[in-house]
C-alpha cells in the first residue's frame, strides 16, 4: 500500500485529511510538526506523497520543501501544501521552492481527493507546467 504523510498541526484538519486519504485506499501517516514529517519521509522510502501545512512547529512548510528538494532521494517526491494563513507572495514562494500543488483552507476534500492520484502518478503536470 502506498503511504501518504499528513503534516498538519491542527488536529481536526489532520483527521479530515487522513480519513480522506484512507478512504482512497492509502495509508495515512499523521504528524503535527515539520521536523517529524521530515524524519518520517527519511525513514519511509515508500512514501508517495506529503500533504503539509505551511505553518508547522519545528520546521515550517517552506523549509520542509526546501530540504526535500535538496536531497536526490526526495527531490521529486510530490508535496501538496494546504494552508489558510498565507499571502499570494507566500504561495508563489512555496511553489517556486518546489511544492507540487497549493490548496487554500478551508479544506476542499473533493479537490484533495481529485489531486492525490494525479500527484502520485505524475499526471498533475504537463511537461513541467503547473496545472
C-alpha atoms as a PDB file:
ATOM      1  CA  UNK A   1       0.000   0.000   0.000  1.00  0.00           C
ATOM      2  CA  UNK A   2       1.177   3.484  -0.790  1.00  0.00           C
ATOM      3  CA  UNK A   3       1.813   5.801   2.129  1.00  0.00           C
ATOM      4  CA  UNK A   4       0.931   9.475   2.417  1.00  0.00           C
ATOM      5  CA  UNK A   5       2.294  11.669   5.185  1.00  0.00           C
ATOM      6  CA  UNK A   6      -0.068  14.305   6.553  1.00  0.00           C
ATOM      7  CA  UNK A   7       1.828  17.040   8.413  1.00  0.00           C
ATOM      8  CA  UNK A   8      -0.758  19.335   9.965  1.00  0.00           C
ATOM      9  CA  UNK A   9      -0.704  20.933  13.412  1.00  0.00           C
ATOM     10  CA  UNK A  10      -4.484  21.412  13.531  1.00  0.00           C
ATOM     11  CA  UNK A  11      -5.846  18.065  14.801  1.00  0.00           C
ATOM     12  CA  UNK A  12      -9.252  18.449  13.130  1.00  0.00           C
ATOM     13  CA  UNK A  13      -7.754  19.205   9.714  1.00  0.00           C
ATOM     14  CA  UNK A  14      -5.253  16.357  10.161  1.00  0.00           C
ATOM     15  CA  UNK A  15      -8.042  13.858  10.894  1.00  0.00           C
ATOM     16  CA  UNK A  16     -10.212  15.087   7.991  1.00  0.00           C
ATOM     17  CA  UNK A  17      -7.346  14.753   5.510  1.00  0.00           C
ATOM     18  CA  UNK A  18      -6.271  11.386   6.952  1.00  0.00           C
ATOM     19  CA  UNK A  19      -9.776   9.943   6.656  1.00  0.00           C
ATOM     20  CA  UNK A  20      -9.976  11.103   3.040  1.00  0.00           C
ATOM     21  CA  UNK A  21      -6.593   9.542   2.273  1.00  0.00           C
ATOM     22  CA  UNK A  22      -7.564   6.251   3.937  1.00  0.00           C
ATOM     23  CA  UNK A  23     -10.942   6.179   2.148  1.00  0.00           C
ATOM     24  CA  UNK A  24      -8.968   6.121  -1.100  1.00  0.00           C
ATOM     25  CA  UNK A  25      -7.004   3.045  -0.016  1.00  0.00           C
ATOM     26  CA  UNK A  26      -3.767   4.766   1.007  1.00  0.00           C
ATOM     27  CA  UNK A  27      -2.029   4.524   4.366  1.00  0.00           C
ATOM     28  CA  UNK A  28      -2.109   7.877   6.189  1.00  0.00           C
ATOM     29  CA  UNK A  29       0.818   8.666   8.472  1.00  0.00           C
ATOM     30  CA  UNK A  30      -0.015  11.642  10.676  1.00  0.00           C
ATOM     31  CA  UNK A  31       2.255  14.140  12.376  1.00  0.00           C
ATOM     32  CA  UNK A  32       1.823  17.579  13.902  1.00  0.00           C
ATOM     33  CA  UNK A  33       5.250  19.049  13.144  1.00  0.00           C
ATOM     34  CA  UNK A  34       7.578  19.536  10.204  1.00  0.00           C
ATOM     35  CA  UNK A  35      10.721  18.050  11.728  1.00  0.00           C
ATOM     36  CA  UNK A  36       8.881  14.813  12.471  1.00  0.00           C
ATOM     37  CA  UNK A  37       7.431  14.808   8.934  1.00  0.00           C
ATOM     38  CA  UNK A  38      10.967  15.012   7.558  1.00  0.00           C
ATOM     39  CA  UNK A  39      12.037  12.091   9.767  1.00  0.00           C
ATOM     40  CA  UNK A  40       9.034  10.102   8.518  1.00  0.00           C
ATOM     41  CA  UNK A  41       9.946  10.753   4.881  1.00  0.00           C
ATOM     42  CA  UNK A  42      13.546   9.710   5.510  1.00  0.00           C
ATOM     43  CA  UNK A  43      12.536   6.510   7.341  1.00  0.00           C
ATOM     44  CA  UNK A  44       9.775   5.519   4.874  1.00  0.00           C
ATOM     45  CA  UNK A  45      11.191   5.445   1.339  1.00  0.00           C
ATOM     46  CA  UNK A  46       7.856   4.075   0.095  1.00  0.00           C
ATOM     47  CA  UNK A  47       6.057   7.374   0.869  1.00  0.00           C
ATOM     48  CA  UNK A  48       4.272   8.500  -2.300  1.00  0.00           C
ATOM     49  CA  UNK A  49       3.096  11.979  -1.269  1.00  0.00           C
ATOM     50  CA  UNK A  50       3.317  14.512   1.542  1.00  0.00           C
ATOM     51  CA  UNK A  51       0.401  16.773   2.401  1.00  0.00           C
ATOM     52  CA  UNK A  52       1.517  19.600   4.667  1.00  0.00           C
ATOM     53  CA  UNK A  53       0.583  22.940   6.104  1.00  0.00           C
ATOM     54  CA  UNK A  54       2.996  25.856   5.769  1.00  0.00           C
ATOM     55  CA  UNK A  55       2.788  26.861   9.433  1.00  0.00           C
ATOM     56  CA  UNK A  56       4.187  23.951  11.407  1.00  0.00           C
ATOM     57  CA  UNK A  57       6.197  23.737  14.612  1.00  0.00           C
ATOM     58  CA  UNK A  58       9.919  22.867  14.415  1.00  0.00           C
ATOM     59  CA  UNK A  59      10.200  23.081  10.608  1.00  0.00           C
ATOM     60  CA  UNK A  60       7.759  25.123   8.543  1.00  0.00           C
ATOM     61  CA  UNK A  61       6.420  24.075   5.159  1.00  0.00           C
ATOM     62  CA  UNK A  62       8.833  26.263   3.194  1.00  0.00           C
ATOM     63  CA  UNK A  63      11.907  24.817   4.883  1.00  0.00           C
ATOM     64  CA  UNK A  64      10.395  21.331   4.643  1.00  0.00           C
ATOM     65  CA  UNK A  65      10.002  21.630   0.859  1.00  0.00           C
ATOM     66  CA  UNK A  66      13.446  23.211   0.508  1.00  0.00           C
ATOM     67  CA  UNK A  67      15.012  20.323   2.447  1.00  0.00           C
ATOM     68  CA  UNK A  68      13.216  17.674   0.389  1.00  0.00           C
ATOM     69  CA  UNK A  69      14.189  19.272  -2.906  1.00  0.00           C
ATOM     70  CA  UNK A  70      17.818  19.498  -1.783  1.00  0.00           C
ATOM     71  CA  UNK A  71      18.187  15.721  -1.425  1.00  0.00           C
ATOM     72  CA  UNK A  72      18.406  13.473  -4.507  1.00  0.00           C
ATOM     73  CA  UNK A  73      16.270  10.738  -2.922  1.00  0.00           C
ATOM     74  CA  UNK A  74      13.362  13.131  -2.212  1.00  0.00           C
ATOM     75  CA  UNK A  75      13.840  15.746  -4.921  1.00  0.00           C
ATOM     76  CA  UNK A  76      10.808  14.544  -6.896  1.00  0.00           C
ATOM     77  CA  UNK A  77       8.523  13.473  -4.019  1.00  0.00           C
ATOM     78  CA  UNK A  78       5.170  15.228  -4.569  1.00  0.00           C
ATOM     79  CA  UNK A  79       4.228  17.752  -1.883  1.00  0.00           C
ATOM     80  CA  UNK A  80       0.755  19.240  -1.577  1.00  0.00           C
ATOM     81  CA  UNK A  81       0.566  22.348   0.614  1.00  0.00           C
ATOM     82  CA  UNK A  82      -2.770  23.108   2.274  1.00  0.00           C
ATOM     83  CA  UNK A  83      -2.766  26.354   4.236  1.00  0.00           C
ATOM     84  CA  UNK A  84      -5.004  29.228   5.173  1.00  0.00           C
ATOM     85  CA  UNK A  85      -2.709  31.831   6.656  1.00  0.00           C
ATOM     86  CA  UNK A  86      -0.545  32.819   3.726  1.00  0.00           C
ATOM     87  CA  UNK A  87      -0.330  35.643   1.256  1.00  0.00           C
ATOM     88  CA  UNK A  88      -0.201  35.384  -2.515  1.00  0.00           C
ATOM     89  CA  UNK A  89       3.558  36.045  -2.351  1.00  0.00           C
ATOM     90  CA  UNK A  90       3.991  33.143   0.086  1.00  0.00           C
ATOM     91  CA  UNK A  91       2.039  30.830  -2.219  1.00  0.00           C
ATOM     92  CA  UNK A  92       4.299  31.762  -5.141  1.00  0.00           C
ATOM     93  CA  UNK A  93       7.365  31.302  -2.934  1.00  0.00           C
ATOM     94  CA  UNK A  94       6.422  27.792  -1.824  1.00  0.00           C
ATOM     95  CA  UNK A  95       5.607  26.756  -5.402  1.00  0.00           C
ATOM     96  CA  UNK A  96       8.930  28.159  -6.610  1.00  0.00           C
ATOM     97  CA  UNK A  97      10.705  26.221  -3.852  1.00  0.00           C
ATOM     98  CA  UNK A  98       9.272  23.045  -5.349  1.00  0.00           C
ATOM     99  CA  UNK A  99       5.871  22.336  -3.807  1.00  0.00           C
ATOM    100  CA  UNK A 100       3.802  20.356  -6.284  1.00  0.00           C
ATOM    101  CA  UNK A 101       0.477  21.999  -5.508  1.00  0.00           C
ATOM    102  CA  UNK A 102      -1.060  24.574  -3.179  1.00  0.00           C
ATOM    103  CA  UNK A 103      -4.638  24.445  -1.899  1.00  0.00           C
ATOM    104  CA  UNK A 104      -6.191  27.091   0.357  1.00  0.00           C
ATOM    105  CA  UNK A 105      -8.090  26.389   3.542  1.00  0.00           C
ATOM    106  CA  UNK A 106     -10.833  25.715   4.299  1.00  0.00           C
ATOM    107  CA  UNK A 107     -10.041  22.260   3.001  1.00  0.00           C
ATOM    108  CA  UNK A 108     -11.927  21.147  -0.102  1.00  0.00           C
ATOM    109  CA  UNK A 109     -11.792  17.374   0.397  1.00  0.00           C
ATOM    110  CA  UNK A 110     -13.155  16.663  -3.091  1.00  0.00           C
ATOM    111  CA  UNK A 111     -10.253  18.628  -4.582  1.00  0.00           C
ATOM    112  CA  UNK A 112      -7.742  16.910  -2.291  1.00  0.00           C
ATOM    113  CA  UNK A 113      -9.082  13.514  -3.365  1.00  0.00           C
ATOM    114  CA  UNK A 114      -9.016  14.537  -7.026  1.00  0.00           C
ATOM    115  CA  UNK A 115      -5.392  15.669  -6.833  1.00  0.00           C
ATOM    116  CA  UNK A 116      -3.881  12.825  -4.789  1.00  0.00           C
ATOM    117  CA  UNK A 117      -3.788  10.184  -7.549  1.00  0.00           C
ATOM    118  CA  UNK A 118      -2.677  12.775 -10.113  1.00  0.00           C
ATOM    119  CA  UNK A 119       0.237  13.915  -7.943  1.00  0.00           C
ATOM    120  CA  UNK A 120       1.289  10.358  -7.126  1.00  0.00           C
ATOM    121  CA  UNK A 121       1.185   9.267 -10.771  1.00  0.00           C
ATOM    122  CA  UNK A 122       2.803  12.448 -12.043  1.00  0.00           C
ATOM    123  CA  UNK A 123      -0.239  13.306 -14.178  1.00  0.00           C
ATOM    124  CA  UNK A 124      -0.836  16.596 -12.346  1.00  0.00           C
ATOM    125  CA  UNK A 125       1.683  18.381 -14.546  1.00  0.00           C
ATOM    126  CA  UNK A 126       2.036  18.635 -18.284  1.00  0.00           C
ATOM    127  CA  UNK A 127       5.646  18.888 -19.440  1.00  0.00           C
ATOM    128  CA  UNK A 128       6.772  20.660 -16.282  1.00  0.00           C
ATOM    129  CA  UNK A 129       3.996  23.264 -16.216  1.00  0.00           C
ATOM    130  CA  UNK A 130       1.909  23.675 -13.091  1.00  0.00           C
ATOM    131  CA  UNK A 131      -1.771  22.950 -13.542  1.00  0.00           C
END
